[in-house]
Each structure stands twice: as structure tokens, then as C-alpha cells.
């Protein structure tokens, strides 16, 4: 496993990379950089999902998937006075947006800073001021005076608008804050597991996938699954952290360990795989808890129903404030997830696969 200094540098580079759904290339290149020398082969599906392979000695395929896209916006219209109107890419609650910094990235790769603006509250009627704003009423202020200045910068309709946040270690150094932990933290797990297995001979072939376009419909999960054709697949994603004021009751909390996801709106965990991972946690004293969501889904939603069904479940990492500019995770949960998956992939062989296949027969 990486030491702490290496982990922090890795997570900083990965989360600060710019990559909204449909424009993830910068992120996949960071992920590939950290897998160079650890993977036997690299490939991509036609949507851009990165697929790294470490070959095993038996005819067993296991796929670990963490999506690399983040929520953001595209430029939908340029006002004559130089303001950018934006359309959401992925799910947003508009209250978290006014006055936040963004990066505007052109098709040529040039990046310009801006800030999300809105009509100020002064003079608003109380009933207007108390409502959640519509994203259509927000705009990006580039600090220019007219549309010509915008076009002269090379900014056009369709360009990416990405949340801008600098990675930060918080006052308890196990707590980290950055944008895009949904789901760069899952992609980071995928990377670290393969790195941990560098000098180990494994029986199953490991496919570490950085999937794309999860936030707009689990699209890269489907295309990468059809490319890999895995026997077993595990998605790693973030989930609710039920430890903030006003939250509902739930097991998943920062610092309590990796969360074994029972179900969400897109998948029900394969019971045999769930039991196998829980048993490893108990045997190896890996801290874990449980998670279930009635709304929302992960890459597992497309993986599990591909072909005639893939043995599959999701591992969740508790996260605060995702789908905003600043999300918070705990490094202990991340390391627990890495430890669990490293141990699982190290053990997986034909006999374990048959046990999983027979669990529901």
C-alpha cells in the first residue's frame, strides 16, 4: 500500500483533475499514470473507460469499477454581456452553487476561471428569497465585459464547466476534503488494489476499471462490462454518511470502515458475494459496516444485469456533501476498502467462483 504521503499526493492529483461526464480524459490519464508498471495491459472502451489488466493463472475474471466522471455543467448559451448560461451534467441542488468557483475548459484544453453568480437577495420578496433557485437562473461570471471577449478566449457553447476546489487535509488528518470524491475515491481504491498485487501471483485476472458517464446513467459501466465480460464484479462508490446534524439513521459513518452495500435502487447484492466479503472482514479484522439506499444507484446497476447476470455488489465509502464543490471522506474507510479488496482478489480462484455460482442454485 502507498504510504500516507504518497496517498495524499495521489488523491490530490486525482480529485483536482477536471473530468465531468463525457469529458473524462484528463482523469483517465492520471489513473493510468499511477497504474503504469503494475498492469500488464491497458485498454479503453469506446466511451473512454480505462481498463487495466493484471493477468491471473486461471480462467477467472474479476472486475473492480470506480467511476471517474464528476458532476458539472456545460455552457449552454453566451449572453451578449459575457455571462455564461449553464446546463447541469448530473444531479445538482442549486443552493450549493452561488458564489462557487468553476473552471471552464475549452475543446482545445484551455482553462479559464469563473464564479457562479445569481441575482443578489437585496430587495427580493421573502417568498422568493426562501425558494431553492433554479439552475437556469444561475450563470458563470468570467470577469469580462461582453460576448466578444468570451469568444476571443476560445470559449464556446458545449464547453465543460467544472467545479473548482483545492484538495485539503482537515484538522483531524484522517479527514480529507476535495471535489469529486464521488467517485474518484472509488477509482483510487481500484488503483491501489492493483498496485498492492504487483509482486503477487494471482489466480484470477484482475480488471481495474475507471468507468465514465456514471453520473448521467451508468453508461461506462455497461460498455466496460461488455468489453471485459467478468465473472465477478464489484463497484466501489460513495454513499451517505449518517453522522451530520439532521441526518436520518443509518450504519454508514465516517471512520467506521468500508460499507457493504445491501441494495440500492439499481441492484441487490449477490448474497454469496456479500457473505464472502463479510467473512473476510471478520477474519482479517477489517472495519466494516452496512449500507442501503432507497434512491440512487452505482455502476452495479448495469453490471449485475449484463449477459445472463454477473455476480456483483457494491462497496460504499461514507462521504459528506457529495454532488457539491466540497466533499469529505475519512482515510480509514478508504484503507479498509483497499485492504478488503486486496485480500479478496488474492484469494479468488475457480473453486471460489464455483461456490459463488452455486450459491443461488
Foldseek 3Di string as FASTA:
>chain_A
DDDPVVVLVLVQCLQQFFAAFQRQVRNVVSLVVLCVLLFPDWDAFPSGKIKGKDDAAAPAEEEEEAARHAKFWFFADADFQGKTQTDIQFDAQQVQAAQFKKWWAAPVGDIAIWHKHADDPPPPDPVVVPDGDDSRRIITGRPGGGPVVCVVVVDDTGITIGGHDGKDQDPPNQKIKFAPVFPSLSLVLLSLLSVVCRPPHFHYMYIYIHFGSFRPPLVRLQRVCVVRVHQEYEYEGADAAQPDPPRDDDWAHAPQAKAFEQEECQDGALVLVSVVLVVLCVVVVQGYHYDYYDDDDGNCSNNQPPDPGHRYGYIYFHKPPHSHRMIMHGNSRSVSSSVSVSVVRRPDHPVSSVVSVPPVD
